[in-house]
Protein backbone atom coordinates (compact mmCIF):
# COMPACT_ATOMS: atom_id res chain seq x y z
CA MET A 1 176.82 293.49 117.92
CA ALA A 2 177.06 290.18 115.75
CA GLN A 3 174.35 288.02 115.70
CA THR A 4 175.54 284.76 116.87
CA ALA A 5 173.48 282.13 115.45
CA HIS A 6 172.97 278.34 117.33
CA PRO A 7 175.98 275.81 115.97
CA LEU A 8 173.99 273.76 113.93
CA PHE A 9 173.63 275.95 111.67
CA GLY A 10 176.79 276.07 110.56
CA SER A 11 178.45 277.75 107.45
CA SER A 12 175.00 277.09 104.78
CA PRO A 13 175.01 279.67 102.06
CA ILE A 14 171.47 279.41 102.55
CA PRO A 15 169.97 282.24 104.30
CA LEU A 16 169.78 281.89 108.08
CA TYR A 17 165.49 282.34 108.76
CA LEU A 18 164.84 279.31 105.69
CA GLN A 19 166.99 276.93 107.14
CA LEU A 20 165.08 278.07 110.55
CA ALA A 21 161.69 277.86 108.65
CA ASP A 22 162.65 274.06 108.04
CA LEU A 23 163.56 273.32 111.62
CA PHE A 24 160.23 274.48 112.25
CA ARG A 25 158.63 272.83 109.44
CA ALA A 26 160.22 269.37 111.09
CA ARG A 27 158.98 270.15 114.23
CA ILE A 28 154.88 270.15 113.22
CA ALA A 29 155.87 267.34 111.13
CA ARG A 30 156.70 265.17 113.79
CA GLY A 31 153.94 266.76 116.00
CA ARG A 32 156.05 267.92 118.26
CA TRP A 33 154.12 271.50 117.58
CA PRO A 34 150.86 269.35 116.91
CA ALA A 35 147.96 271.07 115.19
CA GLY A 36 145.50 273.81 117.00
CA ALA A 37 148.06 274.42 119.13
CA ALA A 38 150.66 277.44 120.03
CA ALA A 39 153.91 277.23 118.44
CA PRO A 40 156.56 278.82 120.58
CA SER A 41 156.82 282.45 121.09
CA ILE A 42 159.52 284.95 119.10
CA GLU A 43 161.43 285.36 122.14
CA GLU A 44 161.75 281.46 122.77
CA LEU A 45 162.57 280.49 119.66
CA MET A 46 165.11 283.41 119.49
CA ARG A 47 166.94 281.91 123.20
CA GLU A 48 167.04 278.57 122.10
CA PHE A 49 168.63 279.39 118.28
CA GLY A 50 170.44 282.54 119.26
CA VAL A 51 169.08 284.74 116.49
CA ALA A 52 167.62 287.37 115.94
CA ARG A 53 163.55 288.53 115.38
CA VAL A 54 163.63 289.16 112.21
CA THR A 55 165.01 286.00 111.33
CA VAL A 56 162.63 284.37 113.32
CA ARG A 57 159.34 286.20 112.41
CA GLN A 58 160.65 285.91 108.42
CA ALA A 59 160.54 282.12 109.05
CA MET A 60 157.49 282.07 110.69
CA GLY A 61 156.37 284.24 107.40
CA VAL A 62 157.53 280.60 104.91
CA LEU A 63 155.38 278.74 107.56
CA ALA A 64 152.55 281.09 106.81
CA ARG A 65 152.57 281.61 103.24
CA GLU A 66 152.49 277.87 103.65
CA GLY A 67 149.33 277.47 105.03
CA LEU A 68 151.39 275.52 108.29
CA VAL A 69 150.76 278.42 110.91
CA SER A 70 148.33 280.99 111.54
CA PRO A 71 149.18 284.39 113.17
CA GLN A 72 146.15 285.43 115.25
CA ARG A 73 147.06 289.34 116.66
CA GLY A 74 147.42 289.02 120.53
CA ARG A 75 147.18 285.25 120.99
CA GLY A 76 150.56 284.54 119.54
CA THR A 77 150.87 281.82 116.16
CA PHE A 78 149.41 278.50 116.21
CA VAL A 79 150.26 275.42 114.27
CA ALA A 80 147.28 275.33 111.22
CA GLN A 81 147.86 271.99 109.94
CA ALA A 82 150.45 268.96 110.16
CA ALA A 83 153.39 269.68 107.72
CA GLY A 84 152.79 267.80 104.64
CA ALA A 85 149.20 266.80 105.31
CA GLY A 86 148.43 268.06 101.59
CA ARG A 87 151.03 265.16 100.23
CA ARG A 88 149.08 262.91 97.93
CA LEU A 89 151.90 261.10 96.04
CA LYS A 90 152.76 257.51 97.43
CA VAL A 91 156.01 256.06 95.64
CA GLU A 92 154.50 252.55 94.60
CA THR A 93 156.35 249.62 93.95
CA THR A 94 154.68 247.51 91.29
CA LEU A 95 153.69 249.16 87.99
CA ALA A 96 149.87 248.14 88.10
CA ASP A 97 149.49 250.31 91.98
CA LEU A 98 151.35 252.88 89.99
CA VAL A 99 149.21 252.86 87.29
CA GLU A 100 146.18 252.81 89.43
CA MET A 101 147.27 255.36 91.45
CA TYR A 102 147.04 257.57 88.52
CA ARG A 103 144.30 256.56 87.11
CA GLY A 104 141.99 259.25 87.05
CA ASP A 105 143.55 261.68 88.44
CA GLU A 106 143.44 265.07 86.68
CA PRO A 107 146.40 267.69 88.06
CA GLU A 108 146.57 270.43 86.09
CA LEU A 109 149.45 270.20 83.19
CA LEU A 110 151.64 272.80 82.13
CA ASN A 111 153.33 271.61 79.14
CA ILE A 112 156.59 273.81 79.12
CA GLU A 113 158.84 272.12 75.99
CA GLU A 114 158.38 269.80 73.39
CA SER A 115 161.14 268.15 71.14
CA HIS A 116 162.40 264.92 70.03
CA GLU A 117 165.41 265.03 72.06
CA PRO A 118 166.71 261.43 72.41
CA PRO A 119 167.01 260.39 76.26
CA THR A 120 170.60 259.92 77.87
CA LEU A 121 170.25 255.44 78.45
CA ALA A 122 172.73 253.60 79.92
CA ALA A 123 173.54 249.92 79.08
CA LYS A 124 171.78 248.40 81.65
CA ASP A 125 168.41 250.66 80.42
CA GLY A 126 168.00 248.78 77.27
CA VAL A 127 167.43 249.70 73.53
CA ALA A 128 166.87 252.82 71.86
CA ALA A 129 163.92 253.32 70.07
CA PRO A 130 164.80 254.37 66.27
CA SER A 131 162.82 257.98 67.63
CA TYR A 132 161.36 259.35 71.18
CA PHE A 133 158.75 262.21 71.53
CA ARG A 134 160.01 264.26 74.07
CA MET A 135 157.81 266.26 76.71
CA ARG A 136 158.75 268.33 79.64
CA ARG A 137 155.74 269.23 82.06
CA VAL A 138 155.28 270.86 85.56
CA HIS A 139 151.60 269.03 87.61
CA SER A 140 150.07 271.17 89.50
CA ARG A 141 147.01 270.70 91.57
CA ASP A 142 144.88 273.24 93.68
CA GLY A 143 146.80 275.51 92.57
CA GLN A 144 150.26 274.11 94.11
CA ARG A 145 152.86 272.83 91.77
CA TYR A 146 154.60 269.69 93.28
CA CYS A 147 156.54 268.05 90.04
CA VAL A 148 158.65 268.53 87.07
CA ILE A 149 158.77 265.91 84.66
CA THR A 150 160.57 265.28 81.55
CA ILE A 151 159.07 262.20 79.38
CA HIS A 152 160.40 260.68 76.40
CA ILE A 153 157.97 258.18 74.62
CA ASP A 154 158.78 255.91 71.60
CA GLU A 155 157.92 257.98 68.66
CA ARG A 156 155.73 255.08 67.48
CA VAL A 157 153.96 254.45 70.31
CA PHE A 158 153.10 258.56 70.09
CA ARG A 159 151.57 258.79 67.39
CA ARG A 160 148.98 256.21 68.52
CA ALA A 161 147.42 259.07 70.78
CA PRO A 162 149.58 262.62 70.86
CA ALA A 163 146.53 264.23 71.99
CA ARG A 164 145.87 261.90 74.52
CA PHE A 165 149.32 262.20 76.04
CA ARG A 166 149.70 265.77 75.55
CA GLY A 167 147.18 266.26 77.59
CA GLU A 168 146.49 263.68 79.90
CA VAL A 169 148.77 262.13 82.68
CA VAL A 170 150.63 259.70 80.69
CA LEU A 171 150.54 256.07 82.14
CA PRO A 172 147.46 255.55 82.37
CA VAL A 173 147.56 256.48 78.54
CA LEU A 174 150.53 253.85 77.77
CA MET A 175 149.02 251.19 79.49
CA SER A 176 145.79 251.59 77.40
CA ILE A 177 147.50 251.07 74.27
CA PRO A 178 145.77 248.29 72.62
CA GLY A 179 148.43 245.41 71.65
CA LEU A 180 151.43 247.37 73.75
CA ALA A 181 153.45 244.70 76.15
CA ILE A 182 155.64 245.69 78.57
CA ALA A 183 158.22 242.78 78.95
CA ARG A 184 160.49 245.30 82.40
CA ALA A 185 159.38 248.29 84.08
CA ARG A 186 162.18 250.07 86.67
CA GLN A 187 162.19 252.68 89.21
CA THR A 188 164.68 254.69 91.06
CA LEU A 189 164.19 257.58 93.65
CA GLU A 190 167.39 259.89 95.04
CA ILE A 191 167.13 262.32 97.38
CA ALA A 192 168.46 265.41 95.89
CA LYS A 193 168.17 269.28 95.92
CA ALA A 194 166.59 271.51 93.89
CA ASP A 195 168.66 273.30 91.16
CA VAL A 196 167.89 276.78 90.23
CA GLY A 197 166.05 276.07 87.05
CA VAL A 198 163.80 273.19 89.29
CA ALA A 199 163.66 275.85 92.14
CA GLY A 200 162.21 278.33 89.97
CA LEU A 201 159.14 275.93 88.05
CA LEU A 202 158.29 274.47 91.36
CA GLY A 203 158.22 277.64 93.24
CA ILE A 204 160.40 276.41 96.29
CA PRO A 205 164.03 277.34 97.29
CA VAL A 206 167.26 276.65 96.14
CA ASN A 207 168.34 273.66 97.75
CA GLU A 208 165.42 272.84 98.78
CA PRO A 209 164.97 268.55 99.62
CA ILE A 210 163.10 267.13 96.75
CA ALA A 211 162.95 263.94 95.38
CA GLU A 212 164.33 262.94 91.55
CA VAL A 213 162.39 259.40 90.77
CA ARG A 214 163.51 257.76 86.76
CA ARG A 215 161.22 255.69 85.98
CA ILE A 216 161.73 253.47 82.87
CA LEU A 217 159.85 250.53 81.14
CA SER A 218 160.93 248.42 78.13
CA ALA A 219 159.30 246.17 75.69
CA PRO A 220 159.79 242.29 75.22
CA ASP A 221 162.58 243.49 73.00
CA GLY A 222 164.48 245.33 75.31
CA THR A 223 163.88 248.63 73.74
CA VAL A 224 162.81 251.63 75.84
CA ILE A 225 159.43 252.84 74.87
CA TYR A 226 159.00 255.00 78.18
CA LEU A 227 161.11 257.30 79.74
CA ALA A 228 160.68 259.71 82.99
CA GLU A 229 162.85 262.16 84.75
CA VAL A 230 160.61 263.46 87.36
CA SER A 231 160.91 265.74 90.57
CA TYR A 232 158.96 265.91 93.36
CA ARG A 233 158.39 268.37 96.12
CA GLY A 234 159.95 266.74 99.15
CA ASP A 235 157.01 267.35 100.96
CA TYR A 236 154.70 265.94 98.21
CA ILE A 237 156.18 262.55 98.42
CA HIS A 238 155.47 259.69 100.94
CA LEU A 239 157.38 256.03 101.08
CA ASP A 240 155.21 253.15 102.44
CA MET A 241 156.77 250.09 101.90
CA ASP A 242 156.00 246.63 103.34
CA LEU A 243 158.94 244.63 104.21
CA LYS A 244 159.84 240.80 103.93
CA PRO A 245 160.47 239.25 107.53
């Protein structure tokens, strides 16, 4: 007999067990399945979502590999930690706070590509430098890859500290260059879905939610001296903003 899943799954091309894992992950994140408590039984979840036993097991297997749940023989499956408990990146709203957040940070860096390809700039972004040094790298922490970043640095600036730019988090290095003035800094954030390339580099499913950040720093004459385009795992971002009354 054909499996009749809950109507909330619709006709998405994403495998059913991954959709189910997302729902379970959200319940953990919102505290509906609190840390230390037992998750509902496989039979309860089968009835609630109208899916087969193997689908529930596959979904729970995803969460177990992420360290969110812990199956215990003869007792059931228990929530091991809150989803997103390991997220460490706060989205800052000032350049000084952003640089301070990165200062002293030492993630593992994997430089996967270097070139002199110029960035794509819109008129509102500023004026292009004569040439750029481009790096594409993956940042990891505690063995988990959390972002893919493409960085364009004005080559005149890059030449002042090439070893540091290659081996350290770029923003603190940039701000430590003597006499380098930043007149304008802008950052945008959009929620998107991981394409095949980003998903492969971050070790997440295709179409998994990600945060796309575009960051531009300009000199007083309008020259764009730094442009970064970053794809963060969706579960790694924390947005906390003060709202003016």
